[in-house]
Amino acid sequence: MATNQKHPSIEKFKDFVKRHPKLSQEVKSKKKTWQDLFEEWYLLGEEDESWKSYRDDETQEEKTEKKSDVIPQLLQSLKKMDVNQMQYHLTNVNSAIGNIQQLIQQFIPNSTKGSSPTQGVKNPFSFRKD
């Protein structure tokens, strides 16, 4: 007679594995077997320090809460921001960009008024028909 009821320790181990999802990665990477993990769990107990590395520190609810906390954090940062200091930094960045543009223009050859921008550099390998 086969019974479908499992031993209570097996059910407890399944719950333990759900709380420590990195254990399944150990089995998938063939570092350990489920039998090895079950024996360690049975001998060491759930509260042993060695299990901390397998625990998923963040639950799904905590991850969702962290994502939803972004907007309030952003608003809080905006409240703390000094508008005058921001304007000062933006002016400095704008000035730096202008200086870089002027520097680049010094290295670009000036085009004369009579030349068209499509003329460009002539191809040295062009051949003419006689």
Protein backbone atom coordinates (compact mmCIF):
# COMPACT_ATOMS: atom_id res chain seq x y z
CA MET A 1 0.00 0.00 0.00
CA ALA A 2 1.42 3.27 -1.10
CA THR A 3 0.35 6.37 0.70
CA ASN A 4 0.38 9.88 -0.70
CA GLN A 5 1.17 11.41 2.68
CA LYS A 6 4.74 12.57 3.01
CA HIS A 7 6.77 12.59 6.15
CA PRO A 8 6.40 15.90 8.05
CA SER A 9 10.14 16.55 7.87
CA ILE A 10 9.96 16.49 4.06
CA GLU A 11 7.22 19.13 4.09
CA LYS A 12 9.28 21.25 6.49
CA PHE A 13 12.30 20.87 4.20
CA LYS A 14 10.23 22.01 1.21
CA ASP A 15 9.19 25.13 3.13
CA PHE A 16 12.82 25.67 4.08
CA VAL A 17 13.89 25.46 0.42
CA LYS A 18 11.21 28.00 -0.53
CA ARG A 19 12.72 30.43 1.97
CA HIS A 20 16.23 29.63 0.70
CA PRO A 21 15.90 29.64 -3.11
CA LYS A 22 19.64 29.65 -3.70
CA LEU A 23 19.70 26.00 -2.59
CA SER A 24 18.09 24.97 -5.86
CA GLN A 25 20.92 26.72 -7.71
CA GLU A 26 23.39 24.52 -5.84
CA VAL A 27 21.54 21.43 -7.05
CA LYS A 28 21.22 22.72 -10.63
CA SER A 29 24.94 23.46 -10.78
CA LYS A 30 25.54 19.92 -9.45
CA LYS A 31 27.52 21.13 -6.46
CA LYS A 32 25.18 19.27 -4.10
CA THR A 33 22.29 16.85 -4.30
CA TRP A 34 18.88 17.21 -2.70
CA GLN A 35 19.77 14.25 -0.46
CA ASP A 36 22.94 16.00 0.75
CA LEU A 37 21.04 19.21 1.46
CA PHE A 38 18.26 17.36 3.27
CA GLU A 39 20.77 15.52 5.48
CA GLU A 40 22.61 18.75 6.30
CA TRP A 41 19.31 20.46 7.08
CA TYR A 42 18.20 17.56 9.27
CA LEU A 43 21.48 17.47 11.21
CA LEU A 44 22.23 21.21 11.45
CA GLY A 45 18.71 22.55 11.76
CA GLU A 46 17.11 25.56 10.10
CA GLU A 47 18.79 28.17 12.27
CA ASP A 48 22.39 27.23 11.46
CA GLU A 49 24.63 30.06 10.20
CA SER A 50 25.60 28.10 7.07
CA TRP A 51 22.12 28.62 5.59
CA LYS A 52 22.34 32.42 5.56
CA SER A 53 24.24 32.44 2.26
CA TYR A 54 21.34 30.60 0.59
CA ARG A 55 18.61 32.89 1.84
CA ASP A 56 16.92 35.31 -0.53
CA ASP A 57 17.18 38.43 1.59
CA GLU A 58 14.48 40.33 -0.24
CA THR A 59 11.00 38.95 -0.58
CA GLN A 60 8.86 39.84 -3.58
CA GLU A 61 6.86 42.30 -1.45
CA GLU A 62 10.03 44.10 -0.34
CA LYS A 63 11.19 44.38 -3.95
CA THR A 64 7.84 45.88 -4.95
CA GLU A 65 7.99 48.32 -2.04
CA LYS A 66 11.47 49.46 -3.06
CA LYS A 67 10.30 50.10 -6.62
CA SER A 68 7.32 52.11 -5.42
CA ASP A 69 9.54 54.13 -3.05
CA VAL A 70 11.43 55.71 -5.96
CA ILE A 71 8.92 58.49 -6.62
CA PRO A 72 8.73 59.71 -3.00
CA GLN A 73 12.53 59.64 -2.81
CA LEU A 74 12.76 61.67 -6.01
CA LEU A 75 10.27 64.22 -4.69
CA GLN A 76 12.18 64.44 -1.41
CA SER A 77 15.41 65.08 -3.34
CA LEU A 78 13.75 67.82 -5.37
CA LYS A 79 12.59 69.53 -2.18
CA LYS A 80 16.15 69.55 -0.83
CA MET A 81 17.63 70.94 -4.06
CA ASP A 82 18.84 74.56 -4.05
CA VAL A 83 17.55 76.20 -7.25
CA ASN A 84 20.21 78.94 -7.25
CA GLN A 85 23.01 76.40 -6.94
CA MET A 86 21.47 74.32 -9.73
CA GLN A 87 21.29 77.41 -11.96
CA TYR A 88 24.95 78.13 -11.20
CA HIS A 89 26.02 74.62 -12.20
CA LEU A 90 23.91 74.67 -15.37
CA THR A 91 25.49 78.00 -16.36
CA ASN A 92 28.96 76.53 -15.84
CA VAL A 93 28.12 73.47 -17.93
CA ASN A 94 26.67 75.66 -20.67
CA SER A 95 29.82 77.80 -20.67
CA ALA A 96 32.04 74.71 -20.83
CA ILE A 97 30.09 73.37 -23.81
CA GLY A 98 30.44 76.75 -25.57
CA ASN A 99 34.20 76.71 -24.98
CA ILE A 100 34.47 73.18 -26.38
CA GLN A 101 32.48 74.22 -29.47
CA GLN A 102 34.82 77.17 -30.04
CA LEU A 103 37.85 74.91 -29.67
CA ILE A 104 36.49 72.46 -32.21
CA GLN A 105 35.71 75.28 -34.67
CA GLN A 106 39.35 76.36 -34.53
CA PHE A 107 40.42 73.00 -35.93
CA ILE A 108 37.77 72.87 -38.65
CA PRO A 109 38.98 74.66 -41.80
CA ASN A 110 36.94 77.74 -42.62
CA SER A 111 34.94 77.44 -45.80
CA THR A 112 34.91 80.42 -48.13
CA LYS A 113 31.67 82.14 -49.07
CA GLY A 114 31.83 81.05 -52.72
CA SER A 115 32.29 77.32 -52.09
CA SER A 116 29.36 75.04 -51.59
CA PRO A 117 29.30 72.66 -48.61
CA THR A 118 28.62 69.69 -50.91
CA GLN A 119 31.90 70.21 -52.80
CA GLY A 120 34.05 68.90 -49.94
CA VAL A 121 37.38 67.16 -50.56
CA LYS A 122 37.98 66.00 -54.11
CA ASN A 123 38.52 62.32 -54.61
CA PRO A 124 42.19 61.72 -55.54
CA PHE A 125 41.28 58.52 -57.42
CA SER A 126 38.68 60.00 -59.73
CA PHE A 127 39.28 59.39 -63.45
CA ARG A 128 38.03 61.54 -66.28
CA LYS A 129 37.05 60.31 -69.68
CA ASP A 130 38.95 61.83 -72.57
